[in-house]
């Protein structure tokens, strides 16, 4: 989570793992991901940022 929080750009693949993934579900900055929380990754990153 710390690496993602300091990244310049995040490309989140999903919506799930394995056969359930493979599509781009989010692309943008960590701040945009935390603000929108459109994915499971966004929810976890928001919780990390709040701690």
N, C-alpha and C. Protein backbone atom coordinates (compact mmCIF):
# COMPACT_ATOMS: atom_id res chain seq x y z
N UNK A 1 0.81 -1.18 0.00
CA UNK A 1 0.00 0.00 0.00
C UNK A 1 0.86 1.25 0.00
N UNK A 2 1.97 1.23 0.70
CA UNK A 2 2.84 2.40 0.74
C UNK A 2 3.39 2.71 -0.64
N UNK A 3 3.73 1.68 -1.39
CA UNK A 3 4.25 1.90 -2.75
C UNK A 3 3.17 2.54 -3.61
N UNK A 4 1.95 2.02 -3.53
CA UNK A 4 0.86 2.60 -4.33
C UNK A 4 0.57 4.03 -3.91
N UNK A 5 0.61 4.31 -2.62
CA UNK A 5 0.31 5.66 -2.13
C UNK A 5 1.29 6.69 -2.66
N UNK A 6 2.52 6.28 -2.97
CA UNK A 6 3.53 7.21 -3.46
C UNK A 6 3.76 7.13 -4.96
N UNK A 7 2.95 6.34 -5.65
CA UNK A 7 3.11 6.19 -7.10
C UNK A 7 2.63 7.44 -7.83
N UNK A 8 3.15 7.65 -9.03
CA UNK A 8 2.68 8.75 -9.87
C UNK A 8 1.36 8.40 -10.54
N UNK A 9 1.19 7.13 -10.90
CA UNK A 9 0.03 6.70 -11.69
C UNK A 9 -0.29 5.26 -11.34
N UNK A 10 -1.56 4.93 -11.23
CA UNK A 10 -1.99 3.57 -10.92
C UNK A 10 -2.90 3.07 -12.03
N UNK A 11 -2.65 1.85 -12.47
CA UNK A 11 -3.55 1.16 -13.38
C UNK A 11 -4.03 -0.07 -12.63
N UNK A 12 -5.32 -0.11 -12.32
CA UNK A 12 -5.90 -1.20 -11.53
C UNK A 12 -6.62 -2.16 -12.47
N UNK A 13 -6.21 -3.42 -12.44
CA UNK A 13 -6.84 -4.45 -13.26
C UNK A 13 -7.82 -5.23 -12.41
N UNK A 14 -8.94 -5.60 -12.98
CA UNK A 14 -9.92 -6.35 -12.21
C UNK A 14 -11.10 -6.73 -13.06
N UNK A 15 -12.26 -6.88 -12.51
CA UNK A 15 -12.60 -6.50 -11.14
C UNK A 15 -12.17 -7.50 -10.09
N UNK A 16 -11.85 -8.71 -10.47
CA UNK A 16 -11.41 -9.71 -9.50
C UNK A 16 -10.04 -10.25 -9.88
N UNK A 17 -9.72 -11.40 -9.30
CA UNK A 17 -8.44 -12.04 -9.60
C UNK A 17 -8.63 -13.17 -10.61
N UNK A 18 -7.55 -13.56 -11.24
CA UNK A 18 -7.59 -14.69 -12.17
C UNK A 18 -8.54 -14.46 -13.33
N UNK A 19 -9.44 -15.41 -13.53
CA UNK A 19 -10.39 -15.32 -14.65
C UNK A 19 -11.39 -14.18 -14.47
N UNK A 20 -11.50 -13.66 -13.26
CA UNK A 20 -12.44 -12.57 -12.98
C UNK A 20 -11.84 -11.19 -13.28
N UNK A 21 -10.58 -11.16 -13.67
CA UNK A 21 -9.90 -9.89 -13.89
C UNK A 21 -9.48 -9.69 -15.33
N UNK A 22 -8.50 -8.83 -15.49
CA UNK A 22 -7.94 -8.60 -16.81
C UNK A 22 -8.44 -7.35 -17.51
N UNK A 23 -9.38 -6.65 -16.90
CA UNK A 23 -9.88 -5.40 -17.49
C UNK A 23 -9.37 -4.22 -16.66
N UNK A 24 -9.13 -3.11 -17.32
CA UNK A 24 -8.74 -1.90 -16.59
C UNK A 24 -9.99 -1.34 -15.93
N UNK A 25 -9.99 -1.30 -14.60
CA UNK A 25 -11.14 -0.79 -13.86
C UNK A 25 -10.88 0.61 -13.30
N UNK A 26 -9.61 1.03 -13.30
CA UNK A 26 -9.27 2.38 -12.87
C UNK A 26 -7.91 2.73 -13.43
N UNK A 27 -7.76 4.01 -13.79
CA UNK A 27 -6.48 4.54 -14.23
C UNK A 27 -6.40 5.99 -13.79
N UNK A 28 -5.39 6.32 -12.98
CA UNK A 28 -5.24 7.69 -12.51
C UNK A 28 -4.25 7.76 -11.36
N UNK A 29 -4.30 8.88 -10.65
CA UNK A 29 -3.39 9.10 -9.53
C UNK A 29 -3.91 8.41 -8.28
N UNK A 30 -3.03 8.16 -7.30
CA UNK A 30 -3.50 7.58 -6.05
C UNK A 30 -4.59 8.43 -5.38
N UNK A 31 -4.44 9.74 -5.44
CA UNK A 31 -5.45 10.62 -4.85
C UNK A 31 -6.81 10.47 -5.51
N UNK A 32 -6.83 10.32 -6.82
CA UNK A 32 -8.09 10.11 -7.53
C UNK A 32 -8.71 8.77 -7.16
N UNK A 33 -7.87 7.76 -7.00
CA UNK A 33 -8.36 6.44 -6.62
C UNK A 33 -8.97 6.47 -5.22
N UNK A 34 -8.32 7.14 -4.29
CA UNK A 34 -8.83 7.25 -2.92
C UNK A 34 -10.13 8.05 -2.90
N UNK A 35 -10.20 9.12 -3.66
CA UNK A 35 -11.40 9.97 -3.67
C UNK A 35 -12.60 9.26 -4.27
N UNK A 36 -12.38 8.49 -5.32
CA UNK A 36 -13.48 7.83 -6.01
C UNK A 36 -13.84 6.49 -5.38
N UNK A 37 -12.83 5.76 -4.88
CA UNK A 37 -13.00 4.43 -4.31
C UNK A 37 -13.83 3.50 -5.20
N UNK A 38 -13.57 3.49 -6.50
CA UNK A 38 -14.41 2.68 -7.38
C UNK A 38 -14.07 1.19 -7.35
N UNK A 39 -12.99 0.82 -6.70
CA UNK A 39 -12.53 -0.56 -6.73
C UNK A 39 -12.13 -1.02 -5.33
N UNK A 40 -11.93 -2.31 -5.18
CA UNK A 40 -11.46 -2.86 -3.92
C UNK A 40 -10.10 -2.26 -3.56
N UNK A 41 -9.25 -2.06 -4.56
CA UNK A 41 -7.95 -1.43 -4.33
C UNK A 41 -8.13 -0.03 -3.77
N UNK A 42 -9.07 0.72 -4.32
CA UNK A 42 -9.34 2.07 -3.84
C UNK A 42 -9.80 2.10 -2.39
N UNK A 43 -10.63 1.13 -2.02
CA UNK A 43 -11.11 1.05 -0.64
C UNK A 43 -9.94 0.78 0.32
N UNK A 44 -9.07 -0.16 -0.05
CA UNK A 44 -7.94 -0.48 0.81
C UNK A 44 -6.93 0.66 0.88
N UNK A 45 -6.72 1.34 -0.24
CA UNK A 45 -5.79 2.46 -0.25
C UNK A 45 -6.34 3.62 0.58
N UNK A 46 -7.65 3.83 0.54
CA UNK A 46 -8.26 4.88 1.35
C UNK A 46 -8.11 4.57 2.84
N UNK A 47 -8.28 3.31 3.21
CA UNK A 47 -8.11 2.92 4.61
C UNK A 47 -6.66 3.11 5.05
N UNK A 48 -5.72 2.79 4.17
CA UNK A 48 -4.30 2.98 4.48
C UNK A 48 -4.00 4.47 4.65
N UNK A 49 -4.54 5.30 3.77
CA UNK A 49 -4.28 6.74 3.83
C UNK A 49 -4.87 7.36 5.10
N UNK A 50 -5.97 6.79 5.58
CA UNK A 50 -6.62 7.32 6.78
C UNK A 50 -5.90 6.93 8.06
N UNK A 51 -5.07 5.90 7.98
CA UNK A 51 -4.39 5.43 9.21
C UNK A 51 -3.10 6.18 9.47
